[in-house]
C-alpha atoms as a PDB file:
ATOM      1  CA  MET A   1      61.873 -67.159  18.079  1.00  0.00           C
ATOM      2  CA  LEU A   2      64.220 -67.823  20.991  1.00  0.00           C
ATOM      3  CA  PHE A   3      64.679 -71.501  21.379  1.00  0.00           C
ATOM      4  CA  THR A   4      67.073 -72.577  24.206  1.00  0.00           C
ATOM      5  CA  TYR A   5      66.802 -75.872  23.187  1.00  0.00           C
ATOM      6  CA  ARG A   6      68.517 -75.195  19.679  1.00  0.00           C
ATOM      7  CA  LYS A   7      71.043 -77.013  18.023  1.00  0.00           C
ATOM      8  CA  GLY A   8      74.067 -75.302  16.279  1.00  0.00           C
ATOM      9  CA  GLY A   9      74.875 -72.517  18.527  1.00  0.00           C
ATOM     10  CA  ARG A  10      59.719 -76.165  22.982  1.00  0.00           C
ATOM     11  CA  THR A  11      36.433 -78.283  30.499  1.00  0.00           C
ATOM     12  CA  MET A  12      39.881 -80.404  30.594  1.00  0.00           C
ATOM     13  CA  GLY A  13      38.693 -83.818  31.094  1.00  0.00           C
ATOM     14  CA  GLY A  14      42.125 -85.086  32.883  1.00  0.00           C
ATOM     15  CA  THR A  15      44.887 -87.144  31.358  1.00  0.00           C
ATOM     16  CA  GLY A  16      45.735 -89.413  34.057  1.00  0.00           C
ATOM     17  CA  ASN A  17      43.692 -92.134  32.757  1.00  0.00           C
ATOM     18  CA  ALA A  18      45.422 -92.353  29.557  1.00  0.00           C
ATOM     19  CA  SER A  19      48.010 -95.230  30.195  1.00  0.00           C
ATOM     20  CA  LYS A  20      44.797 -97.078  31.516  1.00  0.00           C
ATOM     21  CA  LYS A  21      46.094-100.536  29.721  1.00  0.00           C
ATOM     22  CA  THR A  22      48.870-100.133  32.136  1.00  0.00           C
ATOM     23  CA  SER A  23      47.446-101.478  36.189  1.00  0.00           C
ATOM     24  CA  ALA A  24      47.717 -99.971  39.313  1.00  0.00           C
ATOM     25  CA  GLY A  25      51.223-100.769  40.792  1.00  0.00           C
ATOM     26  CA  LYS A  26      52.941-101.288  37.626  1.00  0.00           C
ATOM     27  CA  GLY A  27      54.229 -99.158  34.758  1.00  0.00           C
ATOM     28  CA  LEU A  28      55.883 -95.720  36.197  1.00  0.00           C
ATOM     29  CA  ASP A  29      54.144 -93.251  37.791  1.00  0.00           C
ATOM     30  CA  ARG A  30      53.994 -89.746  37.449  1.00  0.00           C
ATOM     31  CA  ASN A  31      56.984 -87.994  39.639  1.00  0.00           C
ATOM     32  CA  THR A  32      59.360 -91.415  38.118  1.00  0.00           C
ATOM     33  CA  ILE A  33      58.596 -89.374  34.742  1.00  0.00           C
ATOM     34  CA  LYS A  34      59.194 -86.205  35.795  1.00  0.00           C
ATOM     35  CA  TRP A  35      62.333 -87.266  37.343  1.00  0.00           C
ATOM     36  CA  LEU A  36      63.537 -89.092  33.728  1.00  0.00           C
ATOM     37  CA  ALA A  37      62.242 -85.652  32.269  1.00  0.00           C
ATOM     38  CA  MET A  38      64.486 -83.681  34.553  1.00  0.00           C
ATOM     39  CA  PHE A  39      67.256 -85.527  33.785  1.00  0.00           C
ATOM     40  CA  THR A  40      66.999 -85.262  30.002  1.00  0.00           C
ATOM     41  CA  MET A  41      66.443 -81.701  30.764  1.00  0.00           C
ATOM     42  CA  ALA A  42      69.906 -81.274  32.096  1.00  0.00           C
ATOM     43  CA  LEU A  43      71.621 -83.792  29.413  1.00  0.00           C
ATOM     44  CA  ASN A  44      70.214 -80.751  27.321  1.00  0.00           C
ATOM     45  CA  HIS A  45      71.410 -77.798  29.180  1.00  0.00           C
ATOM     46  CA  VAL A  46      74.515 -79.506  29.490  1.00  0.00           C
ATOM     47  CA  ALA A  47      75.364 -79.426  26.056  1.00  0.00           C
ATOM     48  CA  ALA A  48      74.127 -76.279  25.443  1.00  0.00           C
ATOM     49  CA  GLY A  49      75.894 -74.727  28.399  1.00  0.00           C
ATOM     50  CA  LEU A  50      79.262 -76.591  28.567  1.00  0.00           C
ATOM     51  CA  MET A  51      79.829 -78.854  24.900  1.00  0.00           C
ATOM     52  CA  ASP A  52      81.375 -78.170  21.771  1.00  0.00           C
ATOM     53  CA  PRO A  53      78.311 -78.249  19.129  1.00  0.00           C
ATOM     54  CA  SER A  54      80.475 -79.970  16.747  1.00  0.00           C
ATOM     55  CA  ASP A  55      80.896 -82.715  19.026  1.00  0.00           C
ATOM     56  CA  ILE A  56      78.695 -85.821  18.622  1.00  0.00           C
ATOM     57  CA  TRP A  57      77.344 -85.976  22.056  1.00  0.00           C
ATOM     58  CA  TYR A  58      76.346 -82.582  22.410  1.00  0.00           C
ATOM     59  CA  GLU A  59      74.131 -83.295  19.800  1.00  0.00           C
ATOM     60  CA  VAL A  60      73.054 -86.886  21.265  1.00  0.00           C
ATOM     61  CA  PHE A  61      72.035 -84.992  24.531  1.00  0.00           C
ATOM     62  CA  VAL A  62      70.465 -82.104  23.002  1.00  0.00           C
ATOM     63  CA  ASP A  63      68.191 -84.370  20.668  1.00  0.00           C
ATOM     64  CA  ILE A  64      67.567 -86.253  24.741  1.00  0.00           C
ATOM     65  CA  GLY A  65      66.656 -82.718  26.091  1.00  0.00           C
ATOM     66  CA  PHE A  66      63.362 -82.641  23.753  1.00  0.00           C
ATOM     67  CA  PHE A  67      61.774 -85.308  25.991  1.00  0.00           C
ATOM     68  CA  THR A  68      61.313 -82.806  28.419  1.00  0.00           C
ATOM     69  CA  ALA A  69      58.858 -79.535  27.406  1.00  0.00           C
ATOM     70  CA  ILE A  70      56.576 -81.898  25.808  1.00  0.00           C
ATOM     71  CA  THR A  71      56.317 -84.138  29.192  1.00  0.00           C
ATOM     72  CA  MET A  72      55.734 -81.149  31.045  1.00  0.00           C
ATOM     73  CA  CYS A  73      53.515 -79.720  29.145  1.00  0.00           C
ATOM     74  CA  TYR A  74      51.639 -82.894  29.769  1.00  0.00           C
ATOM     75  CA  PHE A  75      51.527 -83.267  33.189  1.00  0.00           C
ATOM     76  CA  LEU A  76      51.089 -79.576  33.786  1.00  0.00           C
ATOM     77  CA  VAL A  77      47.135 -80.035  31.855  1.00  0.00           C
ATOM     78  CA  GLU A  78      47.236 -82.706  34.333  1.00  0.00           C
ATOM     79  CA  GLY A  79      48.305 -80.784  37.131  1.00  0.00           C
ATOM     80  CA  TYR A  80      45.691 -78.100  36.242  1.00  0.00           C
ATOM     81  CA  HIS A  81      42.698 -80.634  36.678  1.00  0.00           C
ATOM     82  CA  TYR A  82      43.581 -82.154  40.000  1.00  0.00           C
ATOM     83  CA  ALA A  83      45.370 -78.704  41.681  1.00  0.00           C
ATOM     84  CA  ARG A  84      43.741 -77.999  44.619  1.00  0.00           C
ATOM     85  CA  SER A  85      44.348 -74.331  44.445  1.00  0.00           C
ATOM     86  CA  LYS A  86      45.084 -73.306  40.697  1.00  0.00           C
ATOM     87  CA  ALA A  87      46.411 -69.766  42.114  1.00  0.00           C
ATOM     88  CA  ASP A  88      48.802 -71.386  44.590  1.00  0.00           C
ATOM     89  CA  TYR A  89      49.533 -73.303  41.753  1.00  0.00           C
ATOM     90  CA  ALA A  90      50.068 -70.526  38.940  1.00  0.00           C
ATOM     91  CA  LYS A  91      52.158 -68.468  42.040  1.00  0.00           C
ATOM     92  CA  ARG A  92      54.471 -71.538  42.200  1.00  0.00           C
ATOM     93  CA  LEU A  93      55.363 -71.495  38.451  1.00  0.00           C
ATOM     94  CA  LEU A  94      56.020 -67.978  38.737  1.00  0.00           C
ATOM     95  CA  ILE A  95      58.153 -67.780  41.920  1.00  0.00           C
ATOM     96  CA  CYS A  96      60.415 -70.658  40.616  1.00  0.00           C
ATOM     97  CA  ALA A  97      60.441 -68.635  36.913  1.00  0.00           C
ATOM     98  CA  VAL A  98      61.472 -65.539  39.007  1.00  0.00           C
ATOM     99  CA  MET A  99      63.868 -67.407  40.670  1.00  0.00           C
ATOM    100  CA  SER A 100      65.703 -69.237  37.938  1.00  0.00           C
ATOM    101  CA  GLN A 101      66.175 -66.366  35.693  1.00  0.00           C
ATOM    102  CA  LEU A 102      69.606 -65.246  36.261  1.00  0.00           C
ATOM    103  CA  PRO A 103      70.707 -69.344  36.111  1.00  0.00           C
ATOM    104  CA  PHE A 104      69.096 -69.446  33.018  1.00  0.00           C
ATOM    105  CA  TYR A 105      70.890 -66.611  31.561  1.00  0.00           C
ATOM    106  CA  MET A 106      73.816 -68.160  33.328  1.00  0.00           C
ATOM    107  CA  ALA A 107      73.658 -71.277  32.036  1.00  0.00           C
ATOM    108  CA  THR A 108      72.492 -70.358  28.225  1.00  0.00           C
ATOM    109  CA  GLY A 109      73.578 -67.083  27.675  1.00  0.00           C
ATOM    110  CA  VAL A 110      70.196 -66.345  26.147  1.00  0.00           C
ATOM    111  CA  GLY A 111      68.155 -63.321  26.904  1.00  0.00           C
ATOM    112  CA  GLY A 112      64.796 -64.595  26.928  1.00  0.00           C
ATOM    113  CA  LEU A 113      62.267 -65.627  29.934  1.00  0.00           C
ATOM    114  CA  ASN A 114      63.205 -68.955  30.784  1.00  0.00           C
ATOM    115  CA  MET A 115      60.687 -72.576  30.469  1.00  0.00           C
ATOM    116  CA  MET A 116      59.018 -71.894  34.068  1.00  0.00           C
ATOM    117  CA  PHE A 117      58.060 -68.453  32.878  1.00  0.00           C
ATOM    118  CA  THR A 118      56.840 -70.339  29.398  1.00  0.00           C
ATOM    119  CA  LEU A 119      54.575 -72.992  31.433  1.00  0.00           C
ATOM    120  CA  PHE A 120      53.195 -70.189  33.808  1.00  0.00           C
ATOM    121  CA  CYS A 121      51.670 -68.577  30.436  1.00  0.00           C
ATOM    122  CA  CYS A 122      50.473 -71.609  29.455  1.00  0.00           C
ATOM    123  CA  PHE A 123      48.712 -72.687  32.686  1.00  0.00           C
ATOM    124  CA  ILE A 124      47.283 -69.510  32.533  1.00  0.00           C
ATOM    125  CA  ILE A 125      45.795 -70.358  29.440  1.00  0.00           C
ATOM    126  CA  LEU A 126      44.483 -73.343  30.573  1.00  0.00           C
ATOM    127  CA  CYS A 127      42.434 -71.156  32.757  1.00  0.00           C
ATOM    128  CA  ILE A 128      40.808 -69.145  30.073  1.00  0.00           C
ATOM    129  CA  ARG A 129      40.134 -71.536  28.358  1.00  0.00           C
ATOM    130  CA  GLU A 130      38.212 -72.529  31.033  1.00  0.00           C
ATOM    131  CA  ASN A 131      36.688 -69.445  32.832  1.00  0.00           C
ATOM    132  CA  VAL A 132      36.360 -66.964  30.066  1.00  0.00           C
ATOM    133  CA  PRO A 133      33.833 -66.234  28.070  1.00  0.00           C
ATOM    134  CA  GLN A 134      33.369 -66.205  24.381  1.00  0.00           C
ATOM    135  CA  PRO A 135      34.021 -63.886  22.734  1.00  0.00           C
ATOM    136  CA  TRP A 136      37.210 -62.708  24.968  1.00  0.00           C
ATOM    137  CA  LYS A 137      38.520 -66.660  25.208  1.00  0.00           C
ATOM    138  CA  GLU A 138      40.415 -66.958  22.072  1.00  0.00           C
ATOM    139  CA  THR A 139      42.214 -63.009  22.746  1.00  0.00           C
ATOM    140  CA  GLY A 140      43.102 -63.961  25.815  1.00  0.00           C
ATOM    141  CA  ILE A 141      45.074 -67.405  24.766  1.00  0.00           C
ATOM    142  CA  LEU A 142      46.102 -65.976  22.089  1.00  0.00           C
ATOM    143  CA  LEU A 143      47.565 -63.275  24.303  1.00  0.00           C
ATOM    144  CA  PHE A 144      49.560 -65.428  26.451  1.00  0.00           C
ATOM    145  CA  THR A 145      50.565 -67.393  23.231  1.00  0.00           C
ATOM    146  CA  ILE A 146      52.105 -64.821  21.785  1.00  0.00           C
ATOM    147  CA  ILE A 147      53.841 -63.704  25.202  1.00  0.00           C
ATOM    148  CA  THR A 148      55.759 -66.643  25.066  1.00  0.00           C
ATOM    149  CA  LEU A 149      57.897 -65.429  22.217  1.00  0.00           C
ATOM    150  CA  VAL A 150      60.198 -63.806  24.792  1.00  0.00           C
ATOM    151  CA  SER A 151      60.400 -66.977  26.648  1.00  0.00           C
ATOM    152  CA  ASP A 152      61.686 -70.608  26.069  1.00  0.00           C
ATOM    153  CA  TRP A 153      60.312 -72.932  24.224  1.00  0.00           C
ATOM    154  CA  ALA A 154      57.553 -70.255  22.621  1.00  0.00           C
ATOM    155  CA  LEU A 155      54.615 -70.896  20.913  1.00  0.00           C
ATOM    156  CA  PHE A 156      55.658 -74.993  20.992  1.00  0.00           C
ATOM    157  CA  ALA A 157      54.555 -75.574  24.753  1.00  0.00           C
ATOM    158  CA  PRO A 158      51.122 -72.966  24.226  1.00  0.00           C
ATOM    159  CA  ALA A 159      50.260 -75.679  21.278  1.00  0.00           C
ATOM    160  CA  PHE A 160      51.529 -79.034  23.114  1.00  0.00           C
ATOM    161  CA  THR A 161      49.361 -77.405  25.840  1.00  0.00           C
ATOM    162  CA  LEU A 162      46.254 -76.850  23.997  1.00  0.00           C
ATOM    163  CA  MET A 163      46.159 -80.114  22.335  1.00  0.00           C
ATOM    164  CA  PHE A 164      46.858 -81.872  25.632  1.00  0.00           C
ATOM    165  CA  ALA A 165      44.164 -80.147  27.162  1.00  0.00           C
ATOM    166  CA  GLU A 166      41.693 -80.860  24.031  1.00  0.00           C
ATOM    167  CA  ALA A 167      42.592 -84.223  24.053  1.00  0.00           C
ATOM    168  CA  GLY A 168      41.390 -84.921  27.809  1.00  0.00           C
ATOM    169  CA  LYS A 169      41.486 -88.490  28.754  1.00  0.00           C
ATOM    170  CA  ASP A 170      40.807 -90.056  24.579  1.00  0.00           C
ATOM    171  CA  ARG A 171      44.425 -91.557  23.976  1.00  0.00           C
ATOM    172  CA  LYS A 172      43.455 -91.817  20.159  1.00  0.00           C
ATOM    173  CA  LYS A 173      43.606 -88.303  20.542  1.00  0.00           C
ATOM    174  CA  LEU A 174      46.241 -87.991  22.768  1.00  0.00           C
ATOM    175  CA  ALA A 175      48.717 -90.244  20.094  1.00  0.00           C
ATOM    176  CA  ILE A 176      47.404 -87.880  17.962  1.00  0.00           C
ATOM    177  CA  SER A 177      48.797 -84.734  19.601  1.00  0.00           C
ATOM    178  CA  TYR A 178      52.219 -86.513  20.551  1.00  0.00           C
ATOM    179  CA  GLY A 179      52.532 -87.104  16.537  1.00  0.00           C
ATOM    180  CA  VAL A 180      51.577 -83.952  15.099  1.00  0.00           C
ATOM    181  CA  SER A 181      54.154 -82.176  17.846  1.00  0.00           C
ATOM    182  CA  ALA A 182      57.179 -84.301  16.483  1.00  0.00           C
ATOM    183  CA  VAL A 183      56.216 -83.710  12.786  1.00  0.00           C
ATOM    184  CA  VAL A 184      55.911 -79.984  13.196  1.00  0.00           C
ATOM    185  CA  PHE A 185      58.946 -79.986  15.839  1.00  0.00           C
ATOM    186  CA  GLY A 186      60.976 -82.405  13.090  1.00  0.00           C
ATOM    187  CA  LEU A 187      60.027 -79.992  10.193  1.00  0.00           C
ATOM    188  CA  PHE A 188      60.725 -77.226  12.193  1.00  0.00           C
ATOM    189  CA  PHE A 189      64.542 -77.870  12.992  1.00  0.00           C
ATOM    190  CA  PHE A 190      64.238 -79.681   9.004  1.00  0.00           C
ATOM    191  CA  LEU A 191      63.557 -76.098   7.442  1.00  0.00           C
ATOM    192  CA  SER A 192      66.120 -74.238  10.081  1.00  0.00           C
ATOM    193  CA  TYR A 193      69.115 -76.717   8.734  1.00  0.00           C
ATOM    194  CA  SER A 194      68.157 -76.976   5.104  1.00  0.00           C
ATOM    195  CA  GLN A 195      69.111 -73.171   5.168  1.00  0.00           C
ATOM    196  CA  VAL A 196      72.986 -74.486   6.324  1.00  0.00           C
ATOM    197  CA  TYR A 197      73.001 -77.940   5.427  1.00  0.00           C
ATOM    198  CA  PRO A 198      72.541 -80.839   2.496  1.00  0.00           C
ATOM    199  CA  THR A 199      69.194 -81.976   2.144  1.00  0.00           C
ATOM    200  CA  HIS A 200      69.748 -85.126   3.449  1.00  0.00           C
ATOM    201  CA  LEU A 201      71.656 -83.828   6.246  1.00  0.00           C
ATOM    202  CA  ALA A 202      68.849 -81.503   7.004  1.00  0.00           C
ATOM    203  CA  LEU A 203      66.485 -84.323   7.307  1.00  0.00           C
ATOM    204  CA  PHE A 204      68.506 -86.771   9.394  1.00  0.00           C
ATOM    205  CA  HIS A 205      68.638 -83.456  12.457  1.00  0.00           C
ATOM    206  CA  GLY A 206      64.769 -82.997  11.943  1.00  0.00           C
ATOM    207  CA  PHE A 207      64.101 -86.815  12.416  1.00  0.00           C
ATOM    208  CA  CYS A 208      66.685 -86.777  15.351  1.00  0.00           C
ATOM    209  CA  SER A 209      64.947 -83.650  16.928  1.00  0.00           C
ATOM    210  CA  SER A 210      61.444 -85.367  16.891  1.00  0.00           C
ATOM    211  CA  LEU A 211      62.902 -88.482  18.454  1.00  0.00           C
ATOM    212  CA  GLY A 212      62.513 -87.207  22.007  1.00  0.00           C
ATOM    213  CA  MET A 213      58.981 -86.329  21.705  1.00  0.00           C
ATOM    214  CA  VAL A 214      58.312 -89.664  19.839  1.00  0.00           C
ATOM    215  CA  ALA A 215      60.370 -91.174  23.443  1.00  0.00           C
ATOM    216  CA  SER A 216      57.684 -89.033  25.824  1.00  0.00           C
ATOM    217  CA  GLY A 217      54.673 -90.227  23.966  1.00  0.00           C
ATOM    218  CA  ILE A 218      55.429 -93.819  24.114  1.00  0.00           C
ATOM    219  CA  VAL A 219      56.371 -93.310  27.939  1.00  0.00           C
ATOM    220  CA  ILE A 220      53.269 -91.968  28.622  1.00  0.00           C
ATOM    221  CA  LEU A 221      50.640 -93.709  26.443  1.00  0.00           C
ATOM    222  CA  CYS A 222      52.161 -97.360  26.948  1.00  0.00           C
ATOM    223  CA  PHE A 223      53.844 -97.285  30.773  1.00  0.00           C
ATOM    224  CA  TYR A 224      52.495 -94.048  32.919  1.00  0.00           C
ATOM    225  CA  ASN A 225      50.148 -95.876  34.972  1.00  0.00           C
ATOM    226  CA  GLY A 226      48.470 -92.650  36.177  1.00  0.00           C
ATOM    227  CA  GLN A 227      49.339 -92.159  39.614  1.00  0.00           C
ATOM    228  CA  LYS A 228      51.248 -89.730  41.320  1.00  0.00           C
ATOM    229  CA  THR A 229      53.894 -91.773  43.406  1.00  0.00           C
ATOM    230  CA  ARG A 230      54.004 -94.137  45.983  1.00  0.00           C
ATOM    231  CA  SER A 231      55.643 -92.359  48.370  1.00  0.00           C
ATOM    232  CA  GLY A 232      56.922 -88.613  49.510  1.00  0.00           C
ATOM    233  CA  ARG A 233      54.747 -87.029  47.134  1.00  0.00           C
ATOM    234  CA  LYS A 234      55.022 -83.342  48.590  1.00  0.00           C
ATOM    235  CA  GLY A 235      59.197 -83.687  49.227  1.00  0.00           C
ATOM    236  CA  SER A 236      58.935 -84.249  45.375  1.00  0.00           C
ATOM    237  CA  LYS A 237      56.733 -81.986  44.183  1.00  0.00           C
ATOM    238  CA  TRP A 238      58.895 -78.527  46.058  1.00  0.00           C
ATOM    239  CA  ALA A 239      61.939 -81.268  44.777  1.00  0.00           C
ATOM    240  CA  PHE A 240      60.799 -80.696  40.691  1.00  0.00           C
ATOM    241  CA  TYR A 241      60.718 -76.706  41.592  1.00  0.00           C
ATOM    242  CA  LEU A 242      64.046 -76.400  42.891  1.00  0.00           C
ATOM    243  CA  PHE A 243      65.954 -78.831  40.428  1.00  0.00           C
ATOM    244  CA  TYR A 244      65.372 -76.427  37.634  1.00  0.00           C
ATOM    245  CA  PRO A 245      67.183 -73.139  38.994  1.00  0.00           C
ATOM    246  CA  ILE A 246      69.939 -75.070  41.157  1.00  0.00           C
ATOM    247  CA  HIS A 247      71.025 -77.266  38.123  1.00  0.00           C
ATOM    248  CA  LEU A 248      70.985 -73.942  35.876  1.00  0.00           C
ATOM    249  CA  LEU A 249      73.210 -72.489  38.622  1.00  0.00           C
ATOM    250  CA  VAL A 250      75.757 -75.107  38.673  1.00  0.00           C
ATOM    251  CA  ILE A 251      75.742 -75.417  34.986  1.00  0.00           C
ATOM    252  CA  GLY A 252      76.286 -71.548  34.983  1.00  0.00           C
ATOM    253  CA  CYS A 253      78.992 -71.371  37.890  1.00  0.00           C
ATOM    254  CA  LEU A 254      80.969 -74.430  35.653  1.00  0.00           C
ATOM    255  CA  LYS A 255      80.628 -72.494  32.678  1.00  0.00           C
ATOM    256  CA  MET A 256      82.369 -69.474  34.005  1.00  0.00           C
ATOM    257  CA  PHE A 257      85.262 -71.575  35.689  1.00  0.00           C
ATOM    258  CA  LEU A 258      85.958 -73.835  33.024  1.00  0.00           C
END
């Protein structure tokens, strides 16, 4: 499985009201959480591209970065529900994926496709889920899930996306989705590390790997106020698409010259 965020060298009812206990005007809006996710992603990529895996801060930065993928899958499901043009949404994801491929390789050294391509596949899965009749629906979903095997966060991101789509606005189902994701993700790393480390160290690494997803669940369920942003929504939307390739390009250039 291709997995850039590695260590030692992841009819929809909408989820906008998942944090309905947070009153309007309070808590964190969508763009604020996305900026937080981009910051944690940048830490992860800095570790993967520039830091020594034996450095304790490498471990910290990588684990913090696991906040990002599941958070972006959550907002992908929400964005699918609210998108005026699903075709335009898909085009933006695909264009960003193409723009980001070379910077992704420069920064990470991974030959597979980048996370934006994975999110594009996840978006197509949501389209299939809503619009394709039986018996082709499951076949289409399975096909695009398998396609992610050549990209970042293979299998995990489609699974997150489908769980959030099934959960909709149900807070209990969202909490269960986050819990299952964190446990399975931690188990994945535990099994990976158990091949090279003693059991207690493998358990520790697996536990730390799951903390980013736990943090994402807490932020979404307890602090997200369901609002897009207070101001500058359009500019921020494009900033999200530009940040991904630009920060990878910067890391890739630093990697070449340091």
